Amino acid sequence: MVKSANATTADSPRRPPGHAAQERAPARANQRNTRRLVLSSRTIVTHGLQRKVLQDLYHLFMTVSWPSLIGWLAAYFFAFNVLFAILYSLVPGCISNVNPEGFWGNFFFSFETFATVGYGDMHPQTLYGHVIGSVEIFVGVISMALLTGAMFARFSRPRARFLFARYGVVHPMDGRPTLMFRAANARQNIIMEASAQLRLMRDAVTAEGYRYRRIVDLPLVRSEHPIFLLGWNLMHVLDANSPLAGETPESLAQSRALFLLTLSGTDETTGQVLMARHDYSSEAIRWNHLFRDVLHLGSDGLEHFDYTKFHLVDPMDSLPDEGS
């Protein structure tokens, strides 16, 4: 006997009350815990990882933009003083010489107390006023100390002013095809014992069919620079031992290849270690192109480094035959 649609519905297990709401709750939480990460031409959306802002305030303070930081600090100061102004207003007369009278007088007194200014006109005159004022001074001093330290850390954070050319080029060098990137020190001071690493990130598939993101080291002709002052050409030879042997622009694009170039060194002026990175998609590699020369000898007998040509590349007019 075939059951009717109504019978099938009746025989199916009934969900307990609130079960649908419990299923929707994780979905809403998942939407709230969504972040968008951008790496070169790739955009990755992450889900399910809750951001614990209060446990990572220092990192947030160091990475948030200056307008957002100033806005959040202003909001904190305002909310803090509004709270204590309300506490002072709960017991009228706890503060003497309140001017203007009422809430705004207590608000400005709270601001003066928080900043430990103390003009002297307004002051606590009851036990309640002294207790609330003492608590505000305690919290205010700690807040000012933390904010001062965080601001100093943000201002004193070492920043590398390294320039990276917009494109990489591939052309023969000493008869061998060579992948080349160009970097420069925009601060124009000496970076001691600078080092560079070049890596390739691309999609790969194992023999079992497992797809993953593969990272391959690409050895450089010279990975260290004793005094990185102006420019640096970083080269990887595309020989038989290179992980890029036999690759073409099409194969790199198909595997979503990404070249990651990192530089580091010690600033001779400050003694701080500087680090910077730049990534190049496969579309940013210009095959059979040359970098425009940026260094030339002027009529004054001095060498000139022209940064206006730093990002320019030119196609090769003629290529040597293979094996020549």
Protein backbone atom coordinates (compact mmCIF):
# COMPACT_ATOMS: atom_id res chain seq x y z
CA MET A 1 0.00 0.00 0.00
CA VAL A 2 1.42 3.36 -1.06
CA LYS A 3 1.27 6.04 1.58
CA SER A 4 -0.31 9.33 0.68
CA ALA A 5 1.57 12.60 0.91
CA ASN A 6 -0.34 13.51 4.09
CA ALA A 7 0.50 10.18 5.68
CA THR A 8 4.17 10.57 4.86
CA THR A 9 4.20 13.97 6.47
CA ALA A 10 2.44 12.67 9.54
CA ASP A 11 4.79 9.70 9.91
CA SER A 12 7.95 11.79 9.60
CA PRO A 13 9.65 12.79 12.88
CA ARG A 14 8.54 16.17 14.10
CA ARG A 15 11.24 18.73 14.89
CA PRO A 16 11.28 20.07 18.42
CA PRO A 17 10.16 23.66 18.89
CA GLY A 18 12.92 26.14 18.12
CA HIS A 19 14.89 23.68 15.99
CA ALA A 20 14.67 25.87 12.89
CA ALA A 21 15.83 28.89 14.87
CA GLN A 22 18.79 26.88 16.15
CA GLU A 23 19.74 26.05 12.56
CA ARG A 24 19.48 29.68 11.49
CA ALA A 25 21.59 30.97 14.40
CA PRO A 26 24.92 29.45 13.21
CA ALA A 27 24.25 30.76 9.71
CA ARG A 28 23.76 34.31 11.03
CA ALA A 29 26.87 34.00 13.19
CA ASN A 30 28.80 32.72 10.17
CA GLN A 31 27.77 35.79 8.20
CA ARG A 32 28.94 38.08 11.01
CA ASN A 33 32.31 36.30 11.17
CA THR A 34 33.07 36.85 7.49
CA ARG A 35 36.22 38.66 6.37
CA ARG A 36 37.49 39.56 2.92
CA LEU A 37 41.24 39.16 2.33
CA VAL A 38 42.96 40.47 -0.81
CA LEU A 39 46.32 39.15 -1.98
CA SER A 40 47.36 40.57 -5.32
CA SER A 41 44.63 39.52 -7.80
CA ARG A 42 43.16 36.91 -5.42
CA THR A 43 40.23 37.71 -3.14
CA ILE A 44 39.57 35.21 -0.35
CA VAL A 45 36.50 35.28 1.89
CA THR A 46 36.95 33.58 5.27
CA HIS A 47 34.10 32.23 7.41
CA GLY A 48 33.57 30.89 10.88
CA LEU A 49 36.47 32.55 12.73
CA GLN A 50 35.27 34.95 15.39
CA ARG A 51 37.24 38.16 15.72
CA LYS A 52 38.16 38.70 19.37
CA VAL A 53 38.82 42.42 19.21
CA LEU A 54 39.23 42.95 22.95
CA GLN A 55 41.93 40.26 23.06
CA ASP A 56 43.83 41.77 20.14
CA LEU A 57 43.56 45.51 20.73
CA TYR A 58 47.26 46.16 20.13
CA HIS A 59 47.18 44.64 16.64
CA LEU A 60 43.98 46.54 15.85
CA PHE A 61 45.54 49.76 17.11
CA MET A 62 48.60 49.23 14.89
CA THR A 63 46.67 48.37 11.73
CA VAL A 64 43.57 50.60 11.78
CA SER A 65 43.70 53.73 9.62
CA TRP A 66 44.49 57.09 11.21
CA PRO A 67 41.01 58.60 10.62
CA SER A 68 39.36 55.54 12.18
CA LEU A 69 41.79 55.61 15.10
CA ILE A 70 41.15 59.29 15.85
CA GLY A 71 37.40 58.69 15.56
CA TRP A 72 37.45 55.75 18.00
CA LEU A 73 39.58 57.67 20.50
CA ALA A 74 37.23 60.67 20.34
CA ALA A 75 34.25 58.35 20.85
CA TYR A 76 35.97 56.71 23.83
CA PHE A 77 36.77 60.05 25.47
CA PHE A 78 33.24 61.31 24.93
CA ALA A 79 31.53 58.14 26.21
CA PHE A 80 33.87 57.91 29.21
CA ASN A 81 33.15 61.49 30.32
CA VAL A 82 29.43 61.15 29.68
CA LEU A 83 29.41 58.12 32.02
CA PHE A 84 31.15 59.96 34.84
CA ALA A 85 29.07 63.09 34.26
CA ILE A 86 26.01 60.94 34.87
CA LEU A 87 27.58 59.57 38.07
CA TYR A 88 28.28 63.09 39.32
CA SER A 89 24.75 64.18 38.40
CA LEU A 90 23.22 61.39 40.50
CA VAL A 91 24.14 63.30 43.66
CA PRO A 92 23.64 67.04 43.08
CA GLY A 93 26.06 69.20 45.03
CA CYS A 94 28.91 66.67 45.17
CA ILE A 95 30.93 69.07 42.98
CA SER A 96 31.30 72.69 44.08
CA ASN A 97 31.15 75.69 41.74
CA VAL A 98 29.69 73.67 38.88
CA ASN A 99 29.61 75.95 35.84
CA PRO A 100 27.49 75.69 33.80
CA GLU A 101 25.04 74.13 36.19
CA GLY A 102 23.64 70.68 35.59
CA PHE A 103 24.85 67.87 33.36
CA TRP A 104 27.21 69.85 31.13
CA GLY A 105 29.02 71.35 34.10
CA ASN A 106 29.62 67.84 35.45
CA PHE A 107 30.68 66.74 31.96
CA PHE A 108 33.37 69.41 31.70
CA PHE A 109 34.53 68.69 35.25
CA SER A 110 34.85 65.03 34.28
CA PHE A 111 36.92 66.00 31.26
CA GLU A 112 39.27 68.08 33.42
CA THR A 113 39.55 65.27 35.96
CA PHE A 114 40.20 62.63 33.29
CA ALA A 115 43.02 64.71 31.81
CA THR A 116 44.33 65.58 35.34
CA VAL A 117 44.17 69.28 34.38
CA GLY A 118 42.37 70.58 37.46
CA TYR A 119 41.75 74.30 36.84
CA GLY A 120 40.78 74.71 40.51
CA ASP A 121 37.36 76.32 40.11
CA MET A 122 35.38 73.07 40.35
CA HIS A 123 36.32 70.39 42.86
CA PRO A 124 34.66 67.56 44.85
CA GLN A 125 33.16 68.64 48.16
CA THR A 126 31.50 65.46 49.42
CA LEU A 127 32.69 61.94 50.13
CA TYR A 128 30.72 60.67 47.14
CA GLY A 129 32.33 63.25 44.87
CA HIS A 130 35.82 62.39 46.11
CA VAL A 131 35.25 58.65 45.60
CA ILE A 132 33.94 59.05 42.04
CA GLY A 133 36.70 61.55 41.25
CA SER A 134 39.36 59.20 42.58
CA VAL A 135 38.03 56.33 40.49
CA GLU A 136 37.99 58.54 37.39
CA ILE A 137 41.56 59.73 38.00
CA PHE A 138 42.73 56.13 38.47
CA VAL A 139 41.08 54.95 35.24
CA GLY A 140 42.10 58.12 33.39
CA VAL A 141 45.79 57.83 34.31
CA ILE A 142 45.86 54.19 33.18
CA SER A 143 44.05 55.06 29.96
CA MET A 144 46.42 57.92 29.17
CA ALA A 145 49.45 55.73 29.88
CA LEU A 146 48.19 52.96 27.61
CA LEU A 147 47.27 55.35 24.82
CA THR A 148 50.60 57.15 25.07
CA GLY A 149 52.51 53.87 24.81
CA ALA A 150 50.38 52.66 21.92
CA MET A 151 50.77 55.95 20.05
CA PHE A 152 54.54 55.85 20.53
CA ALA A 153 54.63 52.24 19.28
CA ARG A 154 52.67 53.24 16.21
CA PHE A 155 54.89 56.24 15.44
CA SER A 156 58.15 54.39 16.14
CA ARG A 157 57.28 51.27 14.15
CA PRO A 158 60.02 50.71 11.54
CA ARG A 159 58.77 51.25 8.02
CA ALA A 160 60.74 50.16 4.98
CA ARG A 161 60.48 52.56 2.09
CA PHE A 162 61.38 50.04 -0.57
CA LEU A 163 60.17 50.52 -4.12
CA PHE A 164 59.21 47.55 -6.27
CA ALA A 165 58.82 47.87 -10.02
CA ARG A 166 55.25 47.26 -11.18
CA TYR A 167 56.34 44.50 -13.54
CA GLY A 168 58.82 41.67 -13.73
CA VAL A 169 60.57 40.90 -17.03
CA VAL A 170 61.93 37.81 -18.74
CA HIS A 171 64.79 38.21 -21.23
CA PRO A 172 68.14 36.58 -22.02
CA MET A 173 71.11 37.36 -19.77
CA ASP A 174 74.47 35.89 -20.84
CA GLY A 175 72.60 33.65 -23.26
CA ARG A 176 70.20 32.25 -20.64
CA PRO A 177 66.56 33.30 -20.16
CA THR A 178 66.28 35.13 -16.86
CA LEU A 179 63.40 36.30 -14.73
CA MET A 180 64.20 39.72 -13.29
CA PHE A 181 62.59 42.02 -10.74
CA ARG A 182 63.72 45.49 -9.75
CA ALA A 183 63.73 47.13 -6.30
CA ALA A 184 65.04 50.41 -4.92
CA ASN A 185 65.57 52.11 -1.58
CA ALA A 186 63.34 55.20 -1.63
CA ARG A 187 64.80 56.53 1.63
CA GLN A 188 68.21 56.68 -0.08
CA ASN A 189 70.20 55.72 2.98
CA ILE A 190 72.27 52.59 3.45
CA ILE A 191 70.49 49.34 4.27
CA MET A 192 73.16 47.02 5.58
CA GLU A 193 73.29 43.31 4.74
CA ALA A 194 70.06 43.38 2.77
CA SER A 195 68.67 40.00 1.78
CA ALA A 196 66.01 38.92 -0.69
CA GLN A 197 63.90 35.81 -1.21
CA LEU A 198 61.79 34.94 -4.23
CA ARG A 199 59.05 32.31 -4.05
CA LEU A 200 56.45 30.96 -6.42
CA MET A 201 52.93 30.15 -5.23
CA ARG A 202 50.71 28.20 -7.61
CA ASP A 203 47.91 25.66 -7.78
CA ALA A 204 49.04 22.04 -8.00
CA VAL A 205 47.38 18.61 -8.08
CA THR A 206 48.89 15.47 -6.55
CA ALA A 207 48.82 12.05 -8.18
CA GLU A 208 45.84 11.22 -5.94
CA GLY A 209 43.91 14.21 -7.27
CA TYR A 210 44.36 16.34 -4.17
CA ARG A 211 44.45 20.05 -5.06
CA TYR A 212 46.59 22.39 -2.97
CA ARG A 213 48.54 25.64 -3.11
CA ARG A 214 52.21 24.86 -3.69
CA ILE A 215 55.08 27.13 -2.60
CA VAL A 216 58.41 26.79 -4.38
CA ASP A 217 61.68 28.63 -3.63
CA LEU A 218 63.26 30.31 -6.64
CA PRO A 219 67.02 30.75 -6.07
CA LEU A 220 68.38 34.18 -6.96
CA VAL A 221 71.66 34.86 -8.70
CA ARG A 222 72.49 37.14 -5.74
CA SER A 223 70.25 37.09 -2.68
CA GLU A 224 72.32 39.47 -0.54
CA HIS A 225 73.39 43.08 -0.93
CA PRO A 226 76.03 44.55 1.42
CA ILE A 227 74.91 48.19 1.02
CA PHE A 228 71.44 48.55 -0.50
CA LEU A 229 71.44 52.28 -1.29
CA LEU A 230 69.75 52.86 -4.65
CA GLY A 231 68.60 50.01 -6.88
CA TRP A 232 68.83 46.23 -6.98
CA ASN A 233 68.09 43.87 -9.88
CA LEU A 234 67.02 40.47 -8.57
CA MET A 235 67.46 37.66 -11.08
CA HIS A 236 66.43 34.02 -11.34
CA VAL A 237 67.85 31.99 -14.21
CA LEU A 238 65.31 29.87 -16.10
CA ASP A 239 67.59 26.92 -16.77
CA ALA A 240 66.94 23.19 -16.58
CA ASN A 241 67.24 23.26 -12.79
CA SER A 242 64.69 26.02 -12.35
CA PRO A 243 61.17 25.15 -11.13
CA LEU A 244 60.00 27.39 -13.99
CA ALA A 245 61.72 25.35 -16.70
CA GLY A 246 59.38 24.93 -19.66
CA GLU A 247 56.77 27.32 -18.26
CA THR A 248 54.91 29.74 -20.51
CA PRO A 249 52.71 32.75 -19.77
CA GLU A 250 49.67 30.57 -20.43
CA SER A 251 50.71 27.78 -18.06
CA LEU A 252 51.49 30.26 -15.29
CA ALA A 253 48.13 31.95 -15.72
CA GLN A 254 46.32 28.59 -15.71
CA SER A 255 47.91 27.62 -12.38
CA ARG A 256 47.22 31.08 -10.89
CA ALA A 257 50.92 31.62 -10.31
CA LEU A 258 51.97 34.32 -7.87
CA PHE A 259 55.55 35.49 -7.34
CA LEU A 260 56.31 36.74 -3.83
CA LEU A 261 59.42 38.91 -3.39
CA THR A 262 60.55 39.81 0.13
CA LEU A 263 63.35 42.17 1.17
CA SER A 264 64.88 42.78 4.57
CA GLY A 265 67.90 44.55 6.01
CA THR A 266 69.20 46.72 8.83
CA ASP A 267 68.78 50.47 8.60
CA GLU A 268 72.22 51.99 9.20
CA THR A 269 70.67 55.19 10.60
CA THR A 270 68.35 53.68 13.23
CA GLY A 271 69.69 50.14 13.61
CA GLN A 272 66.18 48.76 13.06
CA VAL A 273 65.42 45.73 10.92
CA LEU A 274 63.27 46.67 7.93
CA MET A 275 61.09 44.25 5.99
CA ALA A 276 58.90 44.62 2.92
CA ARG A 277 57.25 42.38 0.38
CA HIS A 278 55.63 42.65 -3.02
CA ASP A 279 53.71 40.11 -5.06
CA TYR A 280 53.41 39.76 -8.81
CA SER A 281 50.68 37.88 -10.61
CA SER A 282 51.49 36.04 -13.82
CA GLU A 283 49.94 38.94 -15.77
CA ALA A 284 52.56 41.29 -14.26
CA ILE A 285 55.43 39.37 -15.89
CA ARG A 286 56.48 40.86 -19.23
CA TRP A 287 58.12 38.25 -21.42
CA ASN A 288 60.83 39.39 -23.85
CA HIS A 289 60.98 42.83 -22.25
CA LEU A 290 63.75 44.90 -20.69
CA PHE A 291 63.72 47.37 -17.83
CA ARG A 292 64.32 50.97 -18.89
CA ASP A 293 67.78 52.03 -17.79
CA VAL A 294 67.56 54.38 -14.80
CA LEU A 295 71.28 55.07 -14.27
CA HIS A 296 73.24 57.23 -16.67
CA LEU A 297 76.31 59.43 -16.69
CA GLY A 298 75.42 63.10 -17.05
CA SER A 299 77.26 65.87 -18.81
CA ASP A 300 78.44 67.07 -15.41
CA GLY A 301 80.42 63.87 -14.99
CA LEU A 302 78.13 62.60 -12.24
CA GLU A 303 75.94 59.50 -12.19
CA HIS A 304 72.20 60.16 -12.20
CA PHE A 305 69.50 57.74 -10.98
CA ASP A 306 66.16 58.60 -12.63
CA TYR A 307 63.24 57.29 -10.58
CA THR A 308 60.74 58.46 -13.21
CA LYS A 309 61.86 55.52 -15.37
CA PHE A 310 61.84 53.00 -12.55
CA HIS A 311 58.58 51.26 -13.56
CA LEU A 312 59.08 51.44 -17.34
CA VAL A 313 59.75 48.36 -19.47
CA ASP A 314 60.49 48.12 -23.20
CA PRO A 315 59.99 45.21 -25.60
CA MET A 316 63.13 43.67 -27.02
CA ASP A 317 63.72 44.62 -30.64
CA SER A 318 65.60 41.45 -31.44
CA LEU A 319 66.22 38.25 -29.49
CA PRO A 320 69.34 36.10 -29.77
CA ASP A 321 68.83 32.59 -31.07
CA GLU A 322 68.67 29.83 -28.48
CA GLY A 323 72.06 28.42 -27.75
CA SER A 324 73.87 31.51 -28.99
